[in-house]
């Protein structure tokens, strides 16, 4: 039997890896093994790789997963270091694909089978490992946005308390202290990002060029870079628009017909 492609779908949670091995034969028939679970730690990673080697039918195996928060990162980096084929999908793509299947059950093991099926049917791209500087930018910009949201919430609370009847002065004092702390942390994070960017002259020059566009701030640029890994997976404008959650389409302008009135 000739095997055309093999893939292992991995549904990842904080504590476990739900895995499903699948392959497609020369008649385009898909076959899936019974799913298996492993702990989400280095011991589980080693067991997973050993299981994959036992299941492999003399063909390279793709390890397919989705970017579920941060829980996929340790496994993805570990597999990458082992020089195996890794592909990471955005959750929204997996969700849309799953809707095309007549599967009503929703479990981790079923999700693993769906990921394995994607690996067999789609043309896969190797996971683009973030550079150390991009990884740091992503972490800092996420911290910045989290603190920014906390600051907005704290200021809203301050506004409500100052307009409330007989608000406790001690509550206001603590809230003002919290606001000052968040404001100082935002300044500190932005300063750390600017110093980090300066260590890469090429990246610094590109950011400076984009920042010359009116209305685009330094923090806006680095936040986008951190979340897109420097646009590593974006090859055209349509992909970027889709990633941003936009549905841009061309709508031709119709010429209005003039009504001729007879007098």
C-alpha atoms as a PDB file:
ATOM      1  CA  UNK A   1       0.000   0.000   0.000  1.00  0.00           C
ATOM      2  CA  UNK A   2       1.344   3.390  -1.012  1.00  0.00           C
ATOM      3  CA  UNK A   3       0.901   6.212   1.476  1.00  0.00           C
ATOM      4  CA  UNK A   4       0.613   9.691   0.001  1.00  0.00           C
ATOM      5  CA  UNK A   5       0.534  11.731   3.186  1.00  0.00           C
ATOM      6  CA  UNK A   6       0.506  11.317   6.963  1.00  0.00           C
ATOM      7  CA  UNK A   7      -0.501  13.725   9.695  1.00  0.00           C
ATOM      8  CA  UNK A   8      -1.096  13.778  13.434  1.00  0.00           C
ATOM      9  CA  UNK A   9      -3.745  16.197  14.640  1.00  0.00           C
ATOM     10  CA  UNK A  10      -3.086  17.506  18.143  1.00  0.00           C
ATOM     11  CA  UNK A  11      -5.782  19.214  20.196  1.00  0.00           C
ATOM     12  CA  UNK A  12      -3.976  20.996  23.021  1.00  0.00           C
ATOM     13  CA  UNK A  13      -5.167  22.013  26.461  1.00  0.00           C
ATOM     14  CA  UNK A  14      -3.276  23.227  29.523  1.00  0.00           C
ATOM     15  CA  UNK A  15      -2.635  19.701  30.823  1.00  0.00           C
ATOM     16  CA  UNK A  16      -3.042  17.288  27.913  1.00  0.00           C
ATOM     17  CA  UNK A  17      -2.477  16.570  24.226  1.00  0.00           C
ATOM     18  CA  UNK A  18      -5.259  14.705  22.402  1.00  0.00           C
ATOM     19  CA  UNK A  19      -3.727  13.155  19.272  1.00  0.00           C
ATOM     20  CA  UNK A  20      -5.077  11.389  16.183  1.00  0.00           C
ATOM     21  CA  UNK A  21      -2.934   9.742  13.490  1.00  0.00           C
ATOM     22  CA  UNK A  22      -4.229   9.701   9.923  1.00  0.00           C
ATOM     23  CA  UNK A  23      -2.995   8.898   6.435  1.00  0.00           C
ATOM     24  CA  UNK A  24      -4.298   8.979   2.881  1.00  0.00           C
ATOM     25  CA  UNK A  25      -3.569   6.150   0.447  1.00  0.00           C
ATOM     26  CA  UNK A  26      -3.079   6.134  -3.326  1.00  0.00           C
ATOM     27  CA  UNK A  27      -6.836   5.739  -3.863  1.00  0.00           C
ATOM     28  CA  UNK A  28      -7.421   8.982  -1.937  1.00  0.00           C
ATOM     29  CA  UNK A  29      -9.000   7.095   0.962  1.00  0.00           C
ATOM     30  CA  UNK A  30      -8.413   8.560   4.404  1.00  0.00           C
ATOM     31  CA  UNK A  31      -7.684   6.360   7.404  1.00  0.00           C
ATOM     32  CA  UNK A  32      -7.603   7.415  11.059  1.00  0.00           C
ATOM     33  CA  UNK A  33      -6.317   5.551  14.072  1.00  0.00           C
ATOM     34  CA  UNK A  34      -7.818   5.491  17.532  1.00  0.00           C
ATOM     35  CA  UNK A  35      -6.975   8.755  19.285  1.00  0.00           C
ATOM     36  CA  UNK A  36      -4.535   8.855  22.173  1.00  0.00           C
ATOM     37  CA  UNK A  37      -3.777  11.364  24.912  1.00  0.00           C
ATOM     38  CA  UNK A  38      -0.448  12.499  26.354  1.00  0.00           C
ATOM     39  CA  UNK A  39       0.443  14.952  29.139  1.00  0.00           C
ATOM     40  CA  UNK A  40       1.336  18.448  28.003  1.00  0.00           C
ATOM     41  CA  UNK A  41       4.926  18.353  29.254  1.00  0.00           C
ATOM     42  CA  UNK A  42       8.307  17.158  28.020  1.00  0.00           C
ATOM     43  CA  UNK A  43       7.631  13.585  29.094  1.00  0.00           C
ATOM     44  CA  UNK A  44       4.424  13.657  27.047  1.00  0.00           C
ATOM     45  CA  UNK A  45       6.251  15.181  24.074  1.00  0.00           C
ATOM     46  CA  UNK A  46       8.723  12.294  24.044  1.00  0.00           C
ATOM     47  CA  UNK A  47       5.922   9.737  24.282  1.00  0.00           C
ATOM     48  CA  UNK A  48       4.082  11.477  21.439  1.00  0.00           C
ATOM     49  CA  UNK A  49       7.139  11.409  19.177  1.00  0.00           C
ATOM     50  CA  UNK A  50       7.723   7.718  19.947  1.00  0.00           C
ATOM     51  CA  UNK A  51       4.056   6.954  19.184  1.00  0.00           C
ATOM     52  CA  UNK A  52       4.353   8.858  15.890  1.00  0.00           C
ATOM     53  CA  UNK A  53       7.414   6.819  14.904  1.00  0.00           C
ATOM     54  CA  UNK A  54       5.519   3.602  15.633  1.00  0.00           C
ATOM     55  CA  UNK A  55       2.538   4.710  13.554  1.00  0.00           C
ATOM     56  CA  UNK A  56       4.553   6.115  10.648  1.00  0.00           C
ATOM     57  CA  UNK A  57       4.332   4.211   7.355  1.00  0.00           C
ATOM     58  CA  UNK A  58       7.720   5.113   5.861  1.00  0.00           C
ATOM     59  CA  UNK A  59       6.649   8.684   5.148  1.00  0.00           C
ATOM     60  CA  UNK A  60       7.234  12.056   6.785  1.00  0.00           C
ATOM     61  CA  UNK A  61       4.577  12.867   9.358  1.00  0.00           C
ATOM     62  CA  UNK A  62       3.088  16.324   9.735  1.00  0.00           C
ATOM     63  CA  UNK A  63       2.211  17.448  13.261  1.00  0.00           C
ATOM     64  CA  UNK A  64      -0.834  19.724  12.951  1.00  0.00           C
ATOM     65  CA  UNK A  65      -2.141  21.910  15.775  1.00  0.00           C
ATOM     66  CA  UNK A  66      -3.932  25.194  16.319  1.00  0.00           C
ATOM     67  CA  UNK A  67      -2.658  28.247  18.146  1.00  0.00           C
ATOM     68  CA  UNK A  68      -4.643  27.835  21.367  1.00  0.00           C
ATOM     69  CA  UNK A  69      -3.448  30.671  23.590  1.00  0.00           C
ATOM     70  CA  UNK A  70       0.067  29.874  24.805  1.00  0.00           C
ATOM     71  CA  UNK A  71      -0.469  26.169  25.523  1.00  0.00           C
ATOM     72  CA  UNK A  72       0.726  25.041  22.093  1.00  0.00           C
ATOM     73  CA  UNK A  73       4.030  26.899  22.206  1.00  0.00           C
ATOM     74  CA  UNK A  74       6.137  24.472  24.258  1.00  0.00           C
ATOM     75  CA  UNK A  75       5.178  21.522  22.047  1.00  0.00           C
ATOM     76  CA  UNK A  76       5.642  23.473  18.806  1.00  0.00           C
ATOM     77  CA  UNK A  77       9.125  24.665  19.811  1.00  0.00           C
ATOM     78  CA  UNK A  78      10.092  21.190  21.066  1.00  0.00           C
ATOM     79  CA  UNK A  79       9.004  19.499  17.823  1.00  0.00           C
ATOM     80  CA  UNK A  80      10.731  22.184  15.765  1.00  0.00           C
ATOM     81  CA  UNK A  81      13.991  21.515  17.598  1.00  0.00           C
ATOM     82  CA  UNK A  82      13.564  17.802  16.756  1.00  0.00           C
ATOM     83  CA  UNK A  83      13.436  18.843  13.061  1.00  0.00           C
ATOM     84  CA  UNK A  84      10.006  17.361  12.349  1.00  0.00           C
ATOM     85  CA  UNK A  85       7.262  18.900  10.203  1.00  0.00           C
ATOM     86  CA  UNK A  86       5.052  21.253  12.224  1.00  0.00           C
ATOM     87  CA  UNK A  87       2.087  23.273  10.981  1.00  0.00           C
ATOM     88  CA  UNK A  88       0.110  25.666  13.199  1.00  0.00           C
ATOM     89  CA  UNK A  89      -3.356  26.898  12.174  1.00  0.00           C
ATOM     90  CA  UNK A  90      -5.282  29.879  13.445  1.00  0.00           C
ATOM     91  CA  UNK A  91      -8.329  28.699  15.446  1.00  0.00           C
ATOM     92  CA  UNK A  92     -10.732  30.568  13.142  1.00  0.00           C
ATOM     93  CA  UNK A  93      -9.529  28.562  10.132  1.00  0.00           C
ATOM     94  CA  UNK A  94     -10.042  25.273  11.970  1.00  0.00           C
ATOM     95  CA  UNK A  95     -13.495  26.431  13.067  1.00  0.00           C
ATOM     96  CA  UNK A  96     -14.583  27.263   9.518  1.00  0.00           C
ATOM     97  CA  UNK A  97     -13.209  23.966   8.215  1.00  0.00           C
ATOM     98  CA  UNK A  98     -15.015  21.976  10.927  1.00  0.00           C
ATOM     99  CA  UNK A  99     -18.335  23.544   9.869  1.00  0.00           C
ATOM    100  CA  UNK A 100     -17.985  21.882   6.457  1.00  0.00           C
ATOM    101  CA  UNK A 101     -17.929  18.424   8.074  1.00  0.00           C
ATOM    102  CA  UNK A 102     -21.016  16.531   9.196  1.00  0.00           C
ATOM    103  CA  UNK A 103     -19.703  16.130  12.726  1.00  0.00           C
ATOM    104  CA  UNK A 104     -21.962  17.171  15.585  1.00  0.00           C
ATOM    105  CA  UNK A 105     -19.869  15.801  18.448  1.00  0.00           C
ATOM    106  CA  UNK A 106     -17.478  18.242  20.094  1.00  0.00           C
ATOM    107  CA  UNK A 107     -14.691  16.614  22.147  1.00  0.00           C
ATOM    108  CA  UNK A 108     -10.927  16.964  22.321  1.00  0.00           C
ATOM    109  CA  UNK A 109     -10.450  13.631  20.521  1.00  0.00           C
ATOM    110  CA  UNK A 110     -12.851  14.622  17.737  1.00  0.00           C
ATOM    111  CA  UNK A 111     -11.030  17.952  17.376  1.00  0.00           C
ATOM    112  CA  UNK A 112      -7.759  16.030  17.049  1.00  0.00           C
ATOM    113  CA  UNK A 113      -9.239  13.974  14.212  1.00  0.00           C
ATOM    114  CA  UNK A 114     -10.410  17.155  12.479  1.00  0.00           C
ATOM    115  CA  UNK A 115      -6.886  18.603  12.701  1.00  0.00           C
ATOM    116  CA  UNK A 116      -5.463  15.367  11.296  1.00  0.00           C
ATOM    117  CA  UNK A 117      -7.976  15.560   8.451  1.00  0.00           C
ATOM    118  CA  UNK A 118      -6.924  19.140   7.693  1.00  0.00           C
ATOM    119  CA  UNK A 119      -3.332  17.931   7.535  1.00  0.00           C
ATOM    120  CA  UNK A 120      -4.248  15.328   4.929  1.00  0.00           C
ATOM    121  CA  UNK A 121      -6.419  17.545   2.759  1.00  0.00           C
ATOM    122  CA  UNK A 122      -4.677  20.901   2.819  1.00  0.00           C
ATOM    123  CA  UNK A 123      -1.364  22.056   1.460  1.00  0.00           C
ATOM    124  CA  UNK A 124       0.545  22.680   4.664  1.00  0.00           C
ATOM    125  CA  UNK A 125       3.094  25.345   5.453  1.00  0.00           C
ATOM    126  CA  UNK A 126       5.868  24.853   7.934  1.00  0.00           C
ATOM    127  CA  UNK A 127       5.424  26.773  11.150  1.00  0.00           C
ATOM    128  CA  UNK A 128       7.337  30.038  11.027  1.00  0.00           C
ATOM    129  CA  UNK A 129       9.215  30.138  14.317  1.00  0.00           C
ATOM    130  CA  UNK A 130       9.188  33.658  15.778  1.00  0.00           C
ATOM    131  CA  UNK A 131      12.605  35.238  16.114  1.00  0.00           C
ATOM    132  CA  UNK A 132      13.711  35.985  19.705  1.00  0.00           C
ATOM    133  CA  UNK A 133      13.040  39.706  19.228  1.00  0.00           C
ATOM    134  CA  UNK A 134       9.555  39.090  17.796  1.00  0.00           C
ATOM    135  CA  UNK A 135       8.737  36.778  20.692  1.00  0.00           C
ATOM    136  CA  UNK A 136       9.742  39.499  23.159  1.00  0.00           C
ATOM    137  CA  UNK A 137       7.755  42.119  21.259  1.00  0.00           C
ATOM    138  CA  UNK A 138       4.674  39.898  21.376  1.00  0.00           C
ATOM    139  CA  UNK A 139       4.980  39.400  25.137  1.00  0.00           C
ATOM    140  CA  UNK A 140       5.559  43.074  25.915  1.00  0.00           C
ATOM    141  CA  UNK A 141       2.801  44.386  23.621  1.00  0.00           C
ATOM    142  CA  UNK A 142       0.295  41.950  25.134  1.00  0.00           C
ATOM    143  CA  UNK A 143       1.288  43.113  28.609  1.00  0.00           C
ATOM    144  CA  UNK A 144       0.876  46.713  27.416  1.00  0.00           C
ATOM    145  CA  UNK A 145      -2.638  46.098  26.088  1.00  0.00           C
ATOM    146  CA  UNK A 146      -3.675  44.237  29.244  1.00  0.00           C
ATOM    147  CA  UNK A 147      -2.497  47.123  31.437  1.00  0.00           C
ATOM    148  CA  UNK A 148      -4.139  49.630  29.094  1.00  0.00           C
ATOM    149  CA  UNK A 149      -7.472  47.845  29.527  1.00  0.00           C
ATOM    150  CA  UNK A 150      -7.011  47.837  33.311  1.00  0.00           C
ATOM    151  CA  UNK A 151      -6.229  51.562  33.240  1.00  0.00           C
ATOM    152  CA  UNK A 152      -9.404  52.343  31.284  1.00  0.00           C
ATOM    153  CA  UNK A 153     -11.452  50.261  33.722  1.00  0.00           C
ATOM    154  CA  UNK A 154      -9.844  51.995  36.717  1.00  0.00           C
ATOM    155  CA  UNK A 155     -10.522  55.453  35.274  1.00  0.00           C
ATOM    156  CA  UNK A 156     -14.145  54.504  34.648  1.00  0.00           C
ATOM    157  CA  UNK A 157     -14.395  53.395  38.274  1.00  0.00           C
ATOM    158  CA  UNK A 158     -12.849  56.674  39.368  1.00  0.00           C
ATOM    159  CA  UNK A 159     -15.406  58.616  37.353  1.00  0.00           C
ATOM    160  CA  UNK A 160     -18.250  56.627  38.899  1.00  0.00           C
ATOM    161  CA  UNK A 161     -16.945  56.995  42.461  1.00  0.00           C
ATOM    162  CA  UNK A 162     -16.342  60.732  42.211  1.00  0.00           C
ATOM    163  CA  UNK A 163     -19.968  61.190  41.116  1.00  0.00           C
ATOM    164  CA  UNK A 164     -21.365  58.837  43.752  1.00  0.00           C
ATOM    165  CA  UNK A 165     -22.948  60.023  46.982  1.00  0.00           C
ATOM    166  CA  UNK A 166     -20.418  60.212  49.829  1.00  0.00           C
ATOM    167  CA  UNK A 167     -17.746  57.983  48.334  1.00  0.00           C
ATOM    168  CA  UNK A 168     -15.133  56.781  50.832  1.00  0.00           C
ATOM    169  CA  UNK A 169     -11.954  58.832  50.593  1.00  0.00           C
ATOM    170  CA  UNK A 170      -9.874  55.710  51.315  1.00  0.00           C
ATOM    171  CA  UNK A 171     -11.356  53.995  48.251  1.00  0.00           C
ATOM    172  CA  UNK A 172     -10.525  56.977  46.077  1.00  0.00           C
ATOM    173  CA  UNK A 173      -6.991  57.098  47.448  1.00  0.00           C
ATOM    174  CA  UNK A 174      -6.351  53.437  46.604  1.00  0.00           C
ATOM    175  CA  UNK A 175      -7.889  53.824  43.159  1.00  0.00           C
ATOM    176  CA  UNK A 176      -5.719  56.878  42.388  1.00  0.00           C
ATOM    177  CA  UNK A 177      -2.667  54.906  43.495  1.00  0.00           C
ATOM    178  CA  UNK A 178      -3.661  52.052  41.189  1.00  0.00           C
ATOM    179  CA  UNK A 179      -4.097  54.430  38.242  1.00  0.00           C
ATOM    180  CA  UNK A 180      -0.663  56.006  38.819  1.00  0.00           C
ATOM    181  CA  UNK A 181       0.912  52.523  38.982  1.00  0.00           C
ATOM    182  CA  UNK A 182      -0.684  51.435  35.691  1.00  0.00           C
ATOM    183  CA  UNK A 183       0.315  54.681  33.979  1.00  0.00           C
ATOM    184  CA  UNK A 184       3.932  54.247  35.121  1.00  0.00           C
ATOM    185  CA  UNK A 185       3.943  50.618  33.967  1.00  0.00           C
ATOM    186  CA  UNK A 186       2.713  51.619  30.512  1.00  0.00           C
ATOM    187  CA  UNK A 187       5.536  54.151  30.234  1.00  0.00           C
ATOM    188  CA  UNK A 188       8.017  51.515  31.420  1.00  0.00           C
ATOM    189  CA  UNK A 189       6.822  48.893  28.920  1.00  0.00           C
ATOM    190  CA  UNK A 190       6.934  51.329  25.990  1.00  0.00           C
ATOM    191  CA  UNK A 191      10.462  52.406  26.965  1.00  0.00           C
ATOM    192  CA  UNK A 192      11.548  48.735  27.129  1.00  0.00           C
ATOM    193  CA  UNK A 193      10.067  48.141  23.675  1.00  0.00           C
ATOM    194  CA  UNK A 194      11.881  51.138  22.196  1.00  0.00           C
ATOM    195  CA  UNK A 195      15.211  49.938  23.602  1.00  0.00           C
ATOM    196  CA  UNK A 196      14.509  46.432  22.274  1.00  0.00           C
ATOM    197  CA  UNK A 197      13.672  47.716  18.790  1.00  0.00           C
ATOM    198  CA  UNK A 198      16.901  49.726  18.682  1.00  0.00           C
ATOM    199  CA  UNK A 199      18.906  46.471  18.972  1.00  0.00           C
ATOM    200  CA  UNK A 200      17.711  45.582  15.445  1.00  0.00           C
ATOM    201  CA  UNK A 201      18.697  48.433  13.061  1.00  0.00           C
ATOM    202  CA  UNK A 202      16.728  46.998  10.112  1.00  0.00           C
ATOM    203  CA  UNK A 203      13.524  46.615  12.106  1.00  0.00           C
ATOM    204  CA  UNK A 204      14.033  50.006  13.728  1.00  0.00           C
ATOM    205  CA  UNK A 205      14.386  51.672  10.317  1.00  0.00           C
ATOM    206  CA  UNK A 206      11.224  50.016   8.995  1.00  0.00           C
ATOM    207  CA  UNK A 207       9.201  51.032  12.019  1.00  0.00           C
ATOM    208  CA  UNK A 208      10.460  54.591  11.716  1.00  0.00           C
ATOM    209  CA  UNK A 209       9.303  54.721   8.088  1.00  0.00           C
ATOM    210  CA  UNK A 210       5.821  53.451   8.922  1.00  0.00           C
ATOM    211  CA  UNK A 211       5.614  55.808  11.893  1.00  0.00           C
ATOM    212  CA  UNK A 212       6.090  58.737   9.508  1.00  0.00           C
ATOM    213  CA  UNK A 213       2.530  58.090   8.267  1.00  0.00           C
ATOM    214  CA  UNK A 214       0.171  60.496  10.088  1.00  0.00           C
ATOM    215  CA  UNK A 215      -2.051  58.805  12.663  1.00  0.00           C
ATOM    216  CA  UNK A 216       0.066  55.681  13.162  1.00  0.00           C
ATOM    217  CA  UNK A 217       1.830  55.484  16.517  1.00  0.00           C
ATOM    218  CA  UNK A 218       4.828  53.460  17.606  1.00  0.00           C
ATOM    219  CA  UNK A 219       2.710  51.236  19.879  1.00  0.00           C
ATOM    220  CA  UNK A 220       0.215  50.508  17.089  1.00  0.00           C
ATOM    221  CA  UNK A 221       3.032  49.330  14.836  1.00  0.00           C
ATOM    222  CA  UNK A 222       4.765  47.084  17.375  1.00  0.00           C
ATOM    223  CA  UNK A 223       1.449  45.564  18.533  1.00  0.00           C
ATOM    224  CA  UNK A 224       0.652  44.525  14.952  1.00  0.00           C
ATOM    225  CA  UNK A 225       4.178  43.196  14.428  1.00  0.00           C
ATOM    226  CA  UNK A 226       4.009  41.157  17.620  1.00  0.00           C
ATOM    227  CA  UNK A 227       0.670  39.529  16.770  1.00  0.00           C
ATOM    228  CA  UNK A 228       1.549  38.779  13.124  1.00  0.00           C
ATOM    229  CA  UNK A 229       5.137  37.658  13.806  1.00  0.00           C
ATOM    230  CA  UNK A 230       6.375  40.416  11.532  1.00  0.00           C
ATOM    231  CA  UNK A 231       3.873  39.352   8.811  1.00  0.00           C
ATOM    232  CA  UNK A 232       5.742  36.049   8.415  1.00  0.00           C
ATOM    233  CA  UNK A 233       2.590  34.205   7.312  1.00  0.00           C
ATOM    234  CA  UNK A 234       1.114  37.046   5.260  1.00  0.00           C
ATOM    235  CA  UNK A 235       1.968  36.933   1.556  1.00  0.00           C
ATOM    236  CA  UNK A 236      -0.653  39.291   0.101  1.00  0.00           C
ATOM    237  CA  UNK A 237      -3.119  42.027   0.943  1.00  0.00           C
ATOM    238  CA  UNK A 238      -6.137  39.710   1.004  1.00  0.00           C
ATOM    239  CA  UNK A 239      -4.586  37.583   3.737  1.00  0.00           C
ATOM    240  CA  UNK A 240      -3.834  40.663   5.816  1.00  0.00           C
ATOM    241  CA  UNK A 241      -7.407  41.957   5.428  1.00  0.00           C
ATOM    242  CA  UNK A 242      -8.760  38.542   6.438  1.00  0.00           C
ATOM    243  CA  UNK A 243      -6.438  38.387   9.455  1.00  0.00           C
ATOM    244  CA  UNK A 244      -7.739  41.780  10.539  1.00  0.00           C
ATOM    245  CA  UNK A 245     -11.294  40.411  10.382  1.00  0.00           C
ATOM    246  CA  UNK A 246     -12.295  42.479   7.366  1.00  0.00           C
ATOM    247  CA  UNK A 247     -14.256  41.329   4.321  1.00  0.00           C
ATOM    248  CA  UNK A 248     -13.268  43.745   1.593  1.00  0.00           C
ATOM    249  CA  UNK A 249     -14.925  43.340  -1.774  1.00  0.00           C
ATOM    250  CA  UNK A 250     -15.109  45.425  -4.888  1.00  0.00           C
ATOM    251  CA  UNK A 251     -18.487  46.990  -5.495  1.00  0.00           C
ATOM    252  CA  UNK A 252     -18.835  48.628  -8.911  1.00  0.00           C
ATOM    253  CA  UNK A 253     -20.581  51.974  -8.994  1.00  0.00           C
ATOM    254  CA  UNK A 254     -23.749  51.857 -11.016  1.00  0.00           C
ATOM    255  CA  UNK A 255     -24.648  54.864 -13.048  1.00  0.00           C
ATOM    256  CA  UNK A 256     -28.030  56.238 -12.151  1.00  0.00           C
ATOM    257  CA  UNK A 257     -30.478  56.368 -15.002  1.00  0.00           C
ATOM    258  CA  UNK A 258     -32.022  59.723 -15.528  1.00  0.00           C
ATOM    259  CA  UNK A 259     -35.732  59.700 -15.920  1.00  0.00           C
ATOM    260  CA  UNK A 260     -36.914  61.801 -18.806  1.00  0.00           C
ATOM    261  CA  UNK A 261     -40.178  63.528 -18.118  1.00  0.00           C
ATOM    262  CA  UNK A 262     -42.455  64.516 -20.930  1.00  0.00           C
ATOM    263  CA  UNK A 263     -44.215  67.823 -20.573  1.00  0.00           C
END
